[in-house]
């Protein structure tokens, strides 16, 4: 056997073993729907990474390096070419690409104060703060030419765009209760869609733009209603009991999909429009462990997708359904890190 051939075989075997090892590095036992899981960020708090409509880029929020609170970044789906595209001031959240890939959308507080807003009052327990200083902005994909789209004086954030390229959906407290609204891509024609008591937010359109999936709380008992009303007055929501809902893109035919009695959030449609992936602490013994689940839009067929003993959240399918991107605390280098991961999606045979 020639030396060249021996070297080639040795190199091939080495590459194969490396690939096998690399494939399994970030996967937990039981995660049969995912393969070739790759970590796209390495340190810091990184979350809510969403694909561009051509599936080539991701936009996400991160607190890294010297940043004191979240700013918006873009990167290629292999993790290369990371760029901060927000102002570097205030706090930002919930970014999204426009369908043409030339513009981006995100919520920010920078126009009120260049410093980070104060953290939530943890004396109230684990709560989300819906800062009134959040407004929604449109910018070029490099962050230039920033245009303010909302100006309600209340919380306007959690904005995403229909694949049809006609509407932005977002959450606002402008009518005191956190509700879902839609507007045109230039911010015009802002219209309320939901009217139920409770928080409604984190909405995404289906691939054909005909339906909307979102998370919602529905306080019912006297104690739940009292707690909800007291928190909302001060811009807080307690996200310990959230269910997944769907409705038509005009707000009609609202239906509750999950009934798990847990904190189920970050729902996103599979491109086939028949299934929804979401994050939940369902099945967690201590209530602090979150994994990804999938369910049919009629509420049947619940399946657990990930088996992380810490946190998996913010899942999104690529437009062609071949990839799943999500945020996770799995295999952190530092205890408080959250990173962005991408995996190839394996359909069940």
C-alpha atoms as a PDB file:
ATOM      1  CA  UNK A   1       0.000   0.000   0.000  1.00  0.00           C
ATOM      2  CA  UNK A   2       1.501   3.267  -1.000  1.00  0.00           C
ATOM      3  CA  UNK A   3       2.307   5.921   1.589  1.00  0.00           C
ATOM      4  CA  UNK A   4      -0.036   8.316  -0.191  1.00  0.00           C
ATOM      5  CA  UNK A   5      -2.909   5.848   0.017  1.00  0.00           C
ATOM      6  CA  UNK A   6      -2.170   5.158   3.703  1.00  0.00           C
ATOM      7  CA  UNK A   7      -2.144   8.865   4.379  1.00  0.00           C
ATOM      8  CA  UNK A   8      -5.414   9.294   2.472  1.00  0.00           C
ATOM      9  CA  UNK A   9      -7.138   6.478   4.379  1.00  0.00           C
ATOM     10  CA  UNK A  10      -5.810   7.798   7.696  1.00  0.00           C
ATOM     11  CA  UNK A  11      -7.058  11.279   6.812  1.00  0.00           C
ATOM     12  CA  UNK A  12     -10.457   9.938   5.694  1.00  0.00           C
ATOM     13  CA  UNK A  13     -10.927   7.860   8.854  1.00  0.00           C
ATOM     14  CA  UNK A  14      -9.891  10.832  10.957  1.00  0.00           C
ATOM     15  CA  UNK A  15     -12.375  13.096   9.210  1.00  0.00           C
ATOM     16  CA  UNK A  16     -15.134  10.482   9.556  1.00  0.00           C
ATOM     17  CA  UNK A  17     -14.481  10.005  13.258  1.00  0.00           C
ATOM     18  CA  UNK A  18     -14.355  13.765  13.778  1.00  0.00           C
ATOM     19  CA  UNK A  19     -17.617  14.181  11.899  1.00  0.00           C
ATOM     20  CA  UNK A  20     -19.281  11.414  13.946  1.00  0.00           C
ATOM     21  CA  UNK A  21     -18.045  12.954  17.168  1.00  0.00           C
ATOM     22  CA  UNK A  22     -19.024  16.454  16.071  1.00  0.00           C
ATOM     23  CA  UNK A  23     -22.520  15.270  15.134  1.00  0.00           C
ATOM     24  CA  UNK A  24     -23.158  14.071  18.669  1.00  0.00           C
ATOM     25  CA  UNK A  25     -21.417  16.833  20.631  1.00  0.00           C
ATOM     26  CA  UNK A  26     -24.501  18.932  21.309  1.00  0.00           C
ATOM     27  CA  UNK A  27     -27.215  16.282  21.210  1.00  0.00           C
ATOM     28  CA  UNK A  28     -28.909  14.663  24.205  1.00  0.00           C
ATOM     29  CA  UNK A  29     -30.204  11.118  24.177  1.00  0.00           C
ATOM     30  CA  UNK A  30     -33.651  10.874  22.640  1.00  0.00           C
ATOM     31  CA  UNK A  31     -33.307  13.845  20.280  1.00  0.00           C
ATOM     32  CA  UNK A  32     -34.097  11.790  17.185  1.00  0.00           C
ATOM     33  CA  UNK A  33     -35.476  14.661  15.116  1.00  0.00           C
ATOM     34  CA  UNK A  34     -32.203  16.606  15.157  1.00  0.00           C
ATOM     35  CA  UNK A  35     -28.807  15.879  13.636  1.00  0.00           C
ATOM     36  CA  UNK A  36     -25.608  17.787  13.000  1.00  0.00           C
ATOM     37  CA  UNK A  37     -26.364  20.222  15.820  1.00  0.00           C
ATOM     38  CA  UNK A  38     -23.983  23.167  15.644  1.00  0.00           C
ATOM     39  CA  UNK A  39     -23.383  25.972  18.143  1.00  0.00           C
ATOM     40  CA  UNK A  40     -23.381  29.300  16.283  1.00  0.00           C
ATOM     41  CA  UNK A  41     -22.489  31.561  19.218  1.00  0.00           C
ATOM     42  CA  UNK A  42     -20.045  30.687  21.954  1.00  0.00           C
ATOM     43  CA  UNK A  43     -20.427  33.087  24.876  1.00  0.00           C
ATOM     44  CA  UNK A  44     -22.872  35.624  26.288  1.00  0.00           C
ATOM     45  CA  UNK A  45     -26.642  35.763  26.285  1.00  0.00           C
ATOM     46  CA  UNK A  46     -27.901  35.064  22.757  1.00  0.00           C
ATOM     47  CA  UNK A  47     -31.534  34.386  21.904  1.00  0.00           C
ATOM     48  CA  UNK A  48     -34.445  34.716  19.497  1.00  0.00           C
ATOM     49  CA  UNK A  49     -32.534  33.944  16.292  1.00  0.00           C
ATOM     50  CA  UNK A  50     -34.847  34.082  13.269  1.00  0.00           C
ATOM     51  CA  UNK A  51     -34.167  33.159   9.629  1.00  0.00           C
ATOM     52  CA  UNK A  52     -34.317  35.599   6.756  1.00  0.00           C
ATOM     53  CA  UNK A  53     -36.940  34.662   4.173  1.00  0.00           C
ATOM     54  CA  UNK A  54     -34.281  33.208   1.824  1.00  0.00           C
ATOM     55  CA  UNK A  55     -32.955  31.058   4.710  1.00  0.00           C
ATOM     56  CA  UNK A  56     -29.393  32.383   4.390  1.00  0.00           C
ATOM     57  CA  UNK A  57     -29.145  34.779   7.350  1.00  0.00           C
ATOM     58  CA  UNK A  58     -30.173  34.942  11.013  1.00  0.00           C
ATOM     59  CA  UNK A  59     -31.062  37.985  13.085  1.00  0.00           C
ATOM     60  CA  UNK A  60     -30.909  37.730  16.874  1.00  0.00           C
ATOM     61  CA  UNK A  61     -30.491  39.640  20.109  1.00  0.00           C
ATOM     62  CA  UNK A  62     -27.432  39.334  22.322  1.00  0.00           C
ATOM     63  CA  UNK A  63     -25.680  40.713  25.364  1.00  0.00           C
ATOM     64  CA  UNK A  64     -22.005  40.058  24.718  1.00  0.00           C
ATOM     65  CA  UNK A  65     -18.609  41.608  25.415  1.00  0.00           C
ATOM     66  CA  UNK A  66     -19.071  45.027  27.056  1.00  0.00           C
ATOM     67  CA  UNK A  67     -22.787  45.355  26.274  1.00  0.00           C
ATOM     68  CA  UNK A  68     -24.951  45.762  29.356  1.00  0.00           C
ATOM     69  CA  UNK A  69     -28.223  44.690  27.721  1.00  0.00           C
ATOM     70  CA  UNK A  70     -29.479  43.203  24.459  1.00  0.00           C
ATOM     71  CA  UNK A  71     -28.590  44.592  21.041  1.00  0.00           C
ATOM     72  CA  UNK A  72     -29.487  43.198  17.605  1.00  0.00           C
ATOM     73  CA  UNK A  73     -27.011  41.216  15.487  1.00  0.00           C
ATOM     74  CA  UNK A  74     -27.075  39.417  12.146  1.00  0.00           C
ATOM     75  CA  UNK A  75     -24.985  36.462  11.002  1.00  0.00           C
ATOM     76  CA  UNK A  76     -24.842  33.802   8.310  1.00  0.00           C
ATOM     77  CA  UNK A  77     -26.454  30.461   9.202  1.00  0.00           C
ATOM     78  CA  UNK A  78     -22.982  28.952   9.708  1.00  0.00           C
ATOM     79  CA  UNK A  79     -22.291  31.546  12.434  1.00  0.00           C
ATOM     80  CA  UNK A  80     -19.924  33.661  10.350  1.00  0.00           C
ATOM     81  CA  UNK A  81     -20.039  37.396   9.678  1.00  0.00           C
ATOM     82  CA  UNK A  82     -21.645  38.493  12.963  1.00  0.00           C
ATOM     83  CA  UNK A  83     -22.515  42.194  12.936  1.00  0.00           C
ATOM     84  CA  UNK A  84     -24.314  44.447  15.396  1.00  0.00           C
ATOM     85  CA  UNK A  85     -27.025  46.281  13.458  1.00  0.00           C
ATOM     86  CA  UNK A  86     -28.820  48.178  16.249  1.00  0.00           C
ATOM     87  CA  UNK A  87     -27.683  51.481  17.708  1.00  0.00           C
ATOM     88  CA  UNK A  88     -25.805  50.075  20.711  1.00  0.00           C
ATOM     89  CA  UNK A  89     -28.003  52.220  22.954  1.00  0.00           C
ATOM     90  CA  UNK A  90     -30.970  51.334  25.159  1.00  0.00           C
ATOM     91  CA  UNK A  91     -32.376  47.786  25.180  1.00  0.00           C
ATOM     92  CA  UNK A  92     -33.610  45.960  22.077  1.00  0.00           C
ATOM     93  CA  UNK A  93     -35.717  42.859  21.503  1.00  0.00           C
ATOM     94  CA  UNK A  94     -37.471  40.703  18.913  1.00  0.00           C
ATOM     95  CA  UNK A  95     -35.845  41.376  15.546  1.00  0.00           C
ATOM     96  CA  UNK A  96     -37.002  40.108  12.143  1.00  0.00           C
ATOM     97  CA  UNK A  97     -36.010  40.405   8.493  1.00  0.00           C
ATOM     98  CA  UNK A  98     -38.308  41.992   5.930  1.00  0.00           C
ATOM     99  CA  UNK A  99     -39.229  39.579   3.102  1.00  0.00           C
ATOM    100  CA  UNK A 100     -36.809  41.238   0.625  1.00  0.00           C
ATOM    101  CA  UNK A 101     -33.901  40.771   3.058  1.00  0.00           C
ATOM    102  CA  UNK A 102     -32.883  44.396   2.584  1.00  0.00           C
ATOM    103  CA  UNK A 103     -34.539  45.731   5.716  1.00  0.00           C
ATOM    104  CA  UNK A 104     -34.887  44.626   9.327  1.00  0.00           C
ATOM    105  CA  UNK A 105     -37.357  45.189  12.142  1.00  0.00           C
ATOM    106  CA  UNK A 106     -36.773  45.359  15.880  1.00  0.00           C
ATOM    107  CA  UNK A 107     -38.031  46.967  19.089  1.00  0.00           C
ATOM    108  CA  UNK A 108     -35.827  49.344  21.049  1.00  0.00           C
ATOM    109  CA  UNK A 109     -35.798  51.832  23.927  1.00  0.00           C
ATOM    110  CA  UNK A 110     -32.782  53.827  22.682  1.00  0.00           C
ATOM    111  CA  UNK A 111     -34.821  56.891  21.680  1.00  0.00           C
ATOM    112  CA  UNK A 112     -35.901  57.436  25.308  1.00  0.00           C
ATOM    113  CA  UNK A 113     -32.620  56.678  27.062  1.00  0.00           C
ATOM    114  CA  UNK A 114     -29.275  55.442  25.764  1.00  0.00           C
ATOM    115  CA  UNK A 115     -28.831  53.497  29.028  1.00  0.00           C
ATOM    116  CA  UNK A 116     -30.410  50.121  29.696  1.00  0.00           C
ATOM    117  CA  UNK A 117     -33.815  50.393  31.382  1.00  0.00           C
ATOM    118  CA  UNK A 118     -33.891  49.130  34.994  1.00  0.00           C
ATOM    119  CA  UNK A 119     -34.317  45.361  35.439  1.00  0.00           C
ATOM    120  CA  UNK A 120     -37.703  43.928  36.478  1.00  0.00           C
ATOM    121  CA  UNK A 121     -38.677  44.064  40.150  1.00  0.00           C
ATOM    122  CA  UNK A 122     -37.962  40.486  41.230  1.00  0.00           C
ATOM    123  CA  UNK A 123     -39.795  41.039  44.513  1.00  0.00           C
ATOM    124  CA  UNK A 124     -42.849  40.277  42.379  1.00  0.00           C
ATOM    125  CA  UNK A 125     -41.437  36.861  41.488  1.00  0.00           C
ATOM    126  CA  UNK A 126     -40.434  35.808  37.969  1.00  0.00           C
ATOM    127  CA  UNK A 127     -42.062  38.418  35.748  1.00  0.00           C
ATOM    128  CA  UNK A 128     -41.531  39.915  32.288  1.00  0.00           C
ATOM    129  CA  UNK A 129     -41.280  43.684  32.117  1.00  0.00           C
ATOM    130  CA  UNK A 130     -43.184  45.269  29.220  1.00  0.00           C
ATOM    131  CA  UNK A 131     -41.335  48.579  29.072  1.00  0.00           C
ATOM    132  CA  UNK A 132     -43.458  51.484  27.835  1.00  0.00           C
ATOM    133  CA  UNK A 133     -40.283  52.842  26.219  1.00  0.00           C
ATOM    134  CA  UNK A 134     -40.227  50.060  23.617  1.00  0.00           C
ATOM    135  CA  UNK A 135     -41.176  51.138  20.095  1.00  0.00           C
ATOM    136  CA  UNK A 136     -40.781  49.254  16.821  1.00  0.00           C
ATOM    137  CA  UNK A 137     -38.228  50.410  14.253  1.00  0.00           C
ATOM    138  CA  UNK A 138     -37.437  49.565  10.640  1.00  0.00           C
ATOM    139  CA  UNK A 139     -33.872  49.889   9.335  1.00  0.00           C
ATOM    140  CA  UNK A 140     -31.693  48.880   6.412  1.00  0.00           C
ATOM    141  CA  UNK A 141     -30.103  45.457   6.911  1.00  0.00           C
ATOM    142  CA  UNK A 142     -26.901  47.171   8.109  1.00  0.00           C
ATOM    143  CA  UNK A 143     -28.854  49.174  10.696  1.00  0.00           C
ATOM    144  CA  UNK A 144     -28.758  52.480   8.827  1.00  0.00           C
ATOM    145  CA  UNK A 145     -31.744  54.690   7.969  1.00  0.00           C
ATOM    146  CA  UNK A 146     -33.671  53.888  11.142  1.00  0.00           C
ATOM    147  CA  UNK A 147     -37.394  54.672  10.921  1.00  0.00           C
ATOM    148  CA  UNK A 148     -39.745  54.588  13.938  1.00  0.00           C
ATOM    149  CA  UNK A 149     -42.951  52.704  13.094  1.00  0.00           C
ATOM    150  CA  UNK A 150     -44.870  52.912  16.397  1.00  0.00           C
ATOM    151  CA  UNK A 151     -45.326  55.740  18.869  1.00  0.00           C
ATOM    152  CA  UNK A 152     -48.137  54.751  21.221  1.00  0.00           C
ATOM    153  CA  UNK A 153     -46.419  55.766  24.448  1.00  0.00           C
ATOM    154  CA  UNK A 154     -46.882  52.171  25.595  1.00  0.00           C
ATOM    155  CA  UNK A 155     -45.110  48.852  25.057  1.00  0.00           C
ATOM    156  CA  UNK A 156     -44.842  48.073  21.329  1.00  0.00           C
ATOM    157  CA  UNK A 157     -42.624  45.043  20.578  1.00  0.00           C
ATOM    158  CA  UNK A 158     -42.549  41.326  19.636  1.00  0.00           C
ATOM    159  CA  UNK A 159     -42.953  42.163  15.942  1.00  0.00           C
ATOM    160  CA  UNK A 160     -42.733  39.638  13.098  1.00  0.00           C
ATOM    161  CA  UNK A 161     -43.685  39.795   9.416  1.00  0.00           C
ATOM    162  CA  UNK A 162     -45.989  37.701   7.249  1.00  0.00           C
ATOM    163  CA  UNK A 163     -44.277  35.690   4.472  1.00  0.00           C
ATOM    164  CA  UNK A 164     -46.882  37.278   2.180  1.00  0.00           C
ATOM    165  CA  UNK A 165     -45.043  40.544   2.768  1.00  0.00           C
ATOM    166  CA  UNK A 166     -48.154  42.488   3.643  1.00  0.00           C
ATOM    167  CA  UNK A 167     -48.403  42.714   7.448  1.00  0.00           C
ATOM    168  CA  UNK A 168     -46.406  43.108  10.653  1.00  0.00           C
ATOM    169  CA  UNK A 169     -47.911  41.577  13.788  1.00  0.00           C
ATOM    170  CA  UNK A 170     -46.861  42.887  17.194  1.00  0.00           C
ATOM    171  CA  UNK A 171     -47.817  43.110  20.868  1.00  0.00           C
ATOM    172  CA  UNK A 172     -48.860  46.376  22.466  1.00  0.00           C
ATOM    173  CA  UNK A 173     -50.215  47.587  25.817  1.00  0.00           C
ATOM    174  CA  UNK A 174     -51.701  50.738  24.244  1.00  0.00           C
ATOM    175  CA  UNK A 175     -55.176  49.631  25.316  1.00  0.00           C
ATOM    176  CA  UNK A 176     -53.846  48.641  28.784  1.00  0.00           C
ATOM    177  CA  UNK A 177     -54.128  44.866  28.236  1.00  0.00           C
ATOM    178  CA  UNK A 178     -51.243  43.270  26.228  1.00  0.00           C
ATOM    179  CA  UNK A 179     -52.917  42.452  22.894  1.00  0.00           C
ATOM    180  CA  UNK A 180     -51.946  41.568  19.314  1.00  0.00           C
ATOM    181  CA  UNK A 181     -52.084  44.175  16.560  1.00  0.00           C
ATOM    182  CA  UNK A 182     -51.183  44.229  12.862  1.00  0.00           C
ATOM    183  CA  UNK A 183     -49.877  47.060  10.716  1.00  0.00           C
ATOM    184  CA  UNK A 184     -48.579  47.558   7.190  1.00  0.00           C
ATOM    185  CA  UNK A 185     -44.841  47.203   6.580  1.00  0.00           C
ATOM    186  CA  UNK A 186     -44.429  50.990   6.776  1.00  0.00           C
ATOM    187  CA  UNK A 187     -46.234  51.206  10.136  1.00  0.00           C
ATOM    188  CA  UNK A 188     -49.534  52.444   8.745  1.00  0.00           C
ATOM    189  CA  UNK A 189     -53.019  51.052   9.432  1.00  0.00           C
ATOM    190  CA  UNK A 190     -52.370  49.738  12.986  1.00  0.00           C
ATOM    191  CA  UNK A 191     -55.294  47.455  13.860  1.00  0.00           C
ATOM    192  CA  UNK A 192     -56.104  45.458  16.991  1.00  0.00           C
ATOM    193  CA  UNK A 193     -56.705  41.699  16.525  1.00  0.00           C
ATOM    194  CA  UNK A 194     -57.235  40.220  20.017  1.00  0.00           C
ATOM    195  CA  UNK A 195     -59.648  41.273  22.761  1.00  0.00           C
ATOM    196  CA  UNK A 196     -59.384  38.524  25.398  1.00  0.00           C
ATOM    197  CA  UNK A 197     -58.391  39.217  29.013  1.00  0.00           C
ATOM    198  CA  UNK A 198     -54.762  38.157  29.451  1.00  0.00           C
ATOM    199  CA  UNK A 199     -51.404  38.581  27.777  1.00  0.00           C
ATOM    200  CA  UNK A 200     -51.248  37.839  24.019  1.00  0.00           C
ATOM    201  CA  UNK A 201     -47.845  37.926  22.364  1.00  0.00           C
ATOM    202  CA  UNK A 202     -44.930  36.288  20.567  1.00  0.00           C
ATOM    203  CA  UNK A 203     -46.929  35.854  17.357  1.00  0.00           C
ATOM    204  CA  UNK A 204     -45.798  34.399  14.027  1.00  0.00           C
ATOM    205  CA  UNK A 205     -47.605  33.906  10.721  1.00  0.00           C
ATOM    206  CA  UNK A 206     -47.850  30.542   8.988  1.00  0.00           C
ATOM    207  CA  UNK A 207     -45.803  30.086   5.817  1.00  0.00           C
ATOM    208  CA  UNK A 208     -48.794  30.948   3.614  1.00  0.00           C
ATOM    209  CA  UNK A 209     -49.713  33.930   5.798  1.00  0.00           C
ATOM    210  CA  UNK A 210     -53.224  32.640   6.428  1.00  0.00           C
ATOM    211  CA  UNK A 211     -52.859  31.871  10.161  1.00  0.00           C
ATOM    212  CA  UNK A 212     -51.202  33.273  13.268  1.00  0.00           C
ATOM    213  CA  UNK A 213     -49.791  31.296  16.201  1.00  0.00           C
ATOM    214  CA  UNK A 214     -49.135  32.982  19.541  1.00  0.00           C
ATOM    215  CA  UNK A 215     -48.747  32.476  23.291  1.00  0.00           C
ATOM    216  CA  UNK A 216     -51.341  33.726  25.742  1.00  0.00           C
ATOM    217  CA  UNK A 217     -52.359  33.739  29.371  1.00  0.00           C
ATOM    218  CA  UNK A 218     -56.014  33.466  30.305  1.00  0.00           C
ATOM    219  CA  UNK A 219     -56.434  34.238  34.017  1.00  0.00           C
ATOM    220  CA  UNK A 220     -59.782  32.913  35.205  1.00  0.00           C
ATOM    221  CA  UNK A 221     -59.963  32.561  38.972  1.00  0.00           C
ATOM    222  CA  UNK A 222     -60.453  35.567  41.237  1.00  0.00           C
ATOM    223  CA  UNK A 223     -56.887  35.205  42.545  1.00  0.00           C
ATOM    224  CA  UNK A 224     -55.422  34.880  39.030  1.00  0.00           C
ATOM    225  CA  UNK A 225     -57.327  37.921  37.794  1.00  0.00           C
ATOM    226  CA  UNK A 226     -56.274  40.008  40.789  1.00  0.00           C
ATOM    227  CA  UNK A 227     -52.622  39.070  40.317  1.00  0.00           C
ATOM    228  CA  UNK A 228     -52.786  39.749  36.563  1.00  0.00           C
ATOM    229  CA  UNK A 229     -54.474  43.134  36.942  1.00  0.00           C
ATOM    230  CA  UNK A 230     -52.053  44.266  39.639  1.00  0.00           C
ATOM    231  CA  UNK A 231     -49.013  43.338  37.540  1.00  0.00           C
ATOM    232  CA  UNK A 232     -50.282  44.773  34.246  1.00  0.00           C
ATOM    233  CA  UNK A 233     -50.855  48.169  35.898  1.00  0.00           C
ATOM    234  CA  UNK A 234     -47.085  48.357  36.370  1.00  0.00           C
ATOM    235  CA  UNK A 235     -46.163  46.816  33.020  1.00  0.00           C
ATOM    236  CA  UNK A 236     -45.500  43.279  34.229  1.00  0.00           C
ATOM    237  CA  UNK A 237     -46.662  39.843  33.087  1.00  0.00           C
ATOM    238  CA  UNK A 238     -46.148  36.612  35.006  1.00  0.00           C
ATOM    239  CA  UNK A 239     -45.340  34.007  32.327  1.00  0.00           C
ATOM    240  CA  UNK A 240     -45.901  30.919  34.467  1.00  0.00           C
ATOM    241  CA  UNK A 241     -49.147  29.821  32.769  1.00  0.00           C
ATOM    242  CA  UNK A 242     -49.061  30.345  29.012  1.00  0.00           C
ATOM    243  CA  UNK A 243     -50.832  28.265  26.380  1.00  0.00           C
ATOM    244  CA  UNK A 244     -50.479  28.154  22.583  1.00  0.00           C
ATOM    245  CA  UNK A 245     -53.283  29.575  20.419  1.00  0.00           C
ATOM    246  CA  UNK A 246     -53.929  29.889  16.664  1.00  0.00           C
ATOM    247  CA  UNK A 247     -56.266  32.153  14.730  1.00  0.00           C
ATOM    248  CA  UNK A 248     -56.812  33.340  11.183  1.00  0.00           C
ATOM    249  CA  UNK A 249     -54.674  36.256  10.009  1.00  0.00           C
ATOM    250  CA  UNK A 250     -57.644  38.600  10.475  1.00  0.00           C
ATOM    251  CA  UNK A 251     -58.058  37.559  14.129  1.00  0.00           C
ATOM    252  CA  UNK A 252     -61.068  35.324  13.554  1.00  0.00           C
ATOM    253  CA  UNK A 253     -61.512  31.664  14.569  1.00  0.00           C
ATOM    254  CA  UNK A 254     -59.208  31.776  17.605  1.00  0.00           C
ATOM    255  CA  UNK A 255     -58.547  28.307  19.036  1.00  0.00           C
ATOM    256  CA  UNK A 256     -56.513  27.090  21.996  1.00  0.00           C
ATOM    257  CA  UNK A 257     -54.027  24.432  20.868  1.00  0.00           C
ATOM    258  CA  UNK A 258     -52.334  23.393  24.126  1.00  0.00           C
ATOM    259  CA  UNK A 259     -53.869  22.796  27.526  1.00  0.00           C
ATOM    260  CA  UNK A 260     -50.764  21.886  29.492  1.00  0.00           C
ATOM    261  CA  UNK A 261     -51.137  24.286  32.405  1.00  0.00           C
ATOM    262  CA  UNK A 262     -47.478  25.232  32.118  1.00  0.00           C
ATOM    263  CA  UNK A 263     -45.309  28.001  30.680  1.00  0.00           C
ATOM    264  CA  UNK A 264     -45.573  27.189  26.968  1.00  0.00           C
ATOM    265  CA  UNK A 265     -44.167  29.897  24.719  1.00  0.00           C
ATOM    266  CA  UNK A 266     -42.235  30.728  21.513  1.00  0.00           C
ATOM    267  CA  UNK A 267     -44.540  28.834  19.107  1.00  0.00           C
ATOM    268  CA  UNK A 268     -43.662  28.628  15.409  1.00  0.00           C
ATOM    269  CA  UNK A 269     -45.414  26.879  12.528  1.00  0.00           C
ATOM    270  CA  UNK A 270     -43.694  24.081  10.626  1.00  0.00           C
ATOM    271  CA  UNK A 271     -43.654  25.123   6.939  1.00  0.00           C
ATOM    272  CA  UNK A 272     -46.401  22.556   6.240  1.00  0.00           C
ATOM    273  CA  UNK A 273     -48.780  24.683   8.342  1.00  0.00           C
ATOM    274  CA  UNK A 274     -50.097  21.593  10.119  1.00  0.00           C
ATOM    275  CA  UNK A 275     -47.714  21.475  13.090  1.00  0.00           C
ATOM    276  CA  UNK A 276     -46.378  23.903  15.686  1.00  0.00           C
ATOM    277  CA  UNK A 277     -43.082  23.720  17.558  1.00  0.00           C
ATOM    278  CA  UNK A 278     -42.809  25.510  20.894  1.00  0.00           C
ATOM    279  CA  UNK A 279     -40.918  25.630  24.192  1.00  0.00           C
ATOM    280  CA  UNK A 280     -42.418  24.503  27.493  1.00  0.00           C
ATOM    281  CA  UNK A 281     -41.581  23.374  31.009  1.00  0.00           C
ATOM    282  CA  UNK A 282     -44.240  20.649  30.618  1.00  0.00           C
ATOM    283  CA  UNK A 283     -42.954  17.524  32.339  1.00  0.00           C
ATOM    284  CA  UNK A 284     -40.303  19.417  34.296  1.00  0.00           C
ATOM    285  CA  UNK A 285     -40.147  18.287  37.914  1.00  0.00           C
ATOM    286  CA  UNK A 286     -38.850  21.624  39.193  1.00  0.00           C
ATOM    287  CA  UNK A 287     -40.571  23.845  36.606  1.00  0.00           C
ATOM    288  CA  UNK A 288     -37.277  25.393  35.516  1.00  0.00           C
ATOM    289  CA  UNK A 289     -36.322  23.002  32.718  1.00  0.00           C
ATOM    290  CA  UNK A 290     -37.617  23.911  29.267  1.00  0.00           C
ATOM    291  CA  UNK A 291     -37.617  21.722  26.185  1.00  0.00           C
ATOM    292  CA  UNK A 292     -38.984  21.887  22.660  1.00  0.00           C
ATOM    293  CA  UNK A 293     -42.266  20.168  21.820  1.00  0.00           C
ATOM    294  CA  UNK A 294     -44.300  19.766  18.635  1.00  0.00           C
ATOM    295  CA  UNK A 295     -48.064  19.525  18.343  1.00  0.00           C
ATOM    296  CA  UNK A 296     -50.631  19.423  15.539  1.00  0.00           C
ATOM    297  CA  UNK A 297     -52.648  22.625  15.133  1.00  0.00           C
ATOM    298  CA  UNK A 298     -55.757  20.741  16.311  1.00  0.00           C
ATOM    299  CA  UNK A 299     -54.019  19.987  19.630  1.00  0.00           C
ATOM    300  CA  UNK A 300     -53.302  16.310  18.940  1.00  0.00           C
ATOM    301  CA  UNK A 301     -50.000  14.460  18.586  1.00  0.00           C
ATOM    302  CA  UNK A 302     -47.873  16.158  21.250  1.00  0.00           C
ATOM    303  CA  UNK A 303     -44.208  15.090  20.895  1.00  0.00           C
ATOM    304  CA  UNK A 304     -41.144  16.039  22.875  1.00  0.00           C
ATOM    305  CA  UNK A 305     -38.329  17.116  20.531  1.00  0.00           C
ATOM    306  CA  UNK A 306     -35.455  17.960  22.890  1.00  0.00           C
ATOM    307  CA  UNK A 307     -34.377  16.486  26.211  1.00  0.00           C
ATOM    308  CA  UNK A 308     -32.180  19.183  27.684  1.00  0.00           C
ATOM    309  CA  UNK A 309     -31.961  19.266  31.506  1.00  0.00           C
ATOM    310  CA  UNK A 310     -31.648  23.075  31.394  1.00  0.00           C
ATOM    311  CA  UNK A 311     -33.268  25.304  28.729  1.00  0.00           C
ATOM    312  CA  UNK A 312     -34.209  25.105  25.055  1.00  0.00           C
ATOM    313  CA  UNK A 313     -36.378  27.852  23.566  1.00  0.00           C
ATOM    314  CA  UNK A 314     -37.172  30.148  20.640  1.00  0.00           C
ATOM    315  CA  UNK A 315     -37.318  27.457  17.915  1.00  0.00           C
ATOM    316  CA  UNK A 316     -37.806  28.437  14.266  1.00  0.00           C
ATOM    317  CA  UNK A 317     -37.789  26.319  11.117  1.00  0.00           C
ATOM    318  CA  UNK A 318     -35.950  27.471   8.013  1.00  0.00           C
ATOM    319  CA  UNK A 319     -38.376  28.351   5.197  1.00  0.00           C
ATOM    320  CA  UNK A 320     -37.648  25.011   3.465  1.00  0.00           C
ATOM    321  CA  UNK A 321     -38.110  23.059   6.722  1.00  0.00           C
ATOM    322  CA  UNK A 322     -34.631  21.512   6.520  1.00  0.00           C
ATOM    323  CA  UNK A 323     -33.175  23.301   9.546  1.00  0.00           C
ATOM    324  CA  UNK A 324     -34.246  24.223  13.042  1.00  0.00           C
ATOM    325  CA  UNK A 325     -32.598  27.117  14.888  1.00  0.00           C
ATOM    326  CA  UNK A 326     -33.087  27.553  18.629  1.00  0.00           C
ATOM    327  CA  UNK A 327     -31.612  29.127  21.756  1.00  0.00           C
ATOM    328  CA  UNK A 328     -30.229  26.885  24.460  1.00  0.00           C
ATOM    329  CA  UNK A 329     -28.228  26.706  27.650  1.00  0.00           C
ATOM    330  CA  UNK A 330     -26.874  23.278  26.653  1.00  0.00           C
ATOM    331  CA  UNK A 331     -23.121  22.794  26.933  1.00  0.00           C
ATOM    332  CA  UNK A 332     -22.428  26.332  28.147  1.00  0.00           C
ATOM    333  CA  UNK A 333     -18.914  27.525  28.605  1.00  0.00           C
ATOM    334  CA  UNK A 334     -20.152  29.888  31.325  1.00  0.00           C
ATOM    335  CA  UNK A 335     -23.052  29.212  33.729  1.00  0.00           C
ATOM    336  CA  UNK A 336     -25.287  32.062  32.557  1.00  0.00           C
ATOM    337  CA  UNK A 337     -24.670  31.761  28.824  1.00  0.00           C
ATOM    338  CA  UNK A 338     -27.419  31.136  26.298  1.00  0.00           C
ATOM    339  CA  UNK A 339     -26.326  30.309  22.763  1.00  0.00           C
ATOM    340  CA  UNK A 340     -27.811  29.897  19.306  1.00  0.00           C
ATOM    341  CA  UNK A 341     -27.844  26.400  17.812  1.00  0.00           C
ATOM    342  CA  UNK A 342     -28.823  25.113  14.386  1.00  0.00           C
ATOM    343  CA  UNK A 343     -29.686  21.511  13.515  1.00  0.00           C
ATOM    344  CA  UNK A 344     -30.808  19.550  10.502  1.00  0.00           C
ATOM    345  CA  UNK A 345     -34.447  18.498  10.945  1.00  0.00           C
ATOM    346  CA  UNK A 346     -35.241  14.786  10.545  1.00  0.00           C
ATOM    347  CA  UNK A 347     -38.825  13.960   9.626  1.00  0.00           C
ATOM    348  CA  UNK A 348     -40.314  10.912  11.283  1.00  0.00           C
ATOM    349  CA  UNK A 349     -40.670   7.999   8.859  1.00  0.00           C
END
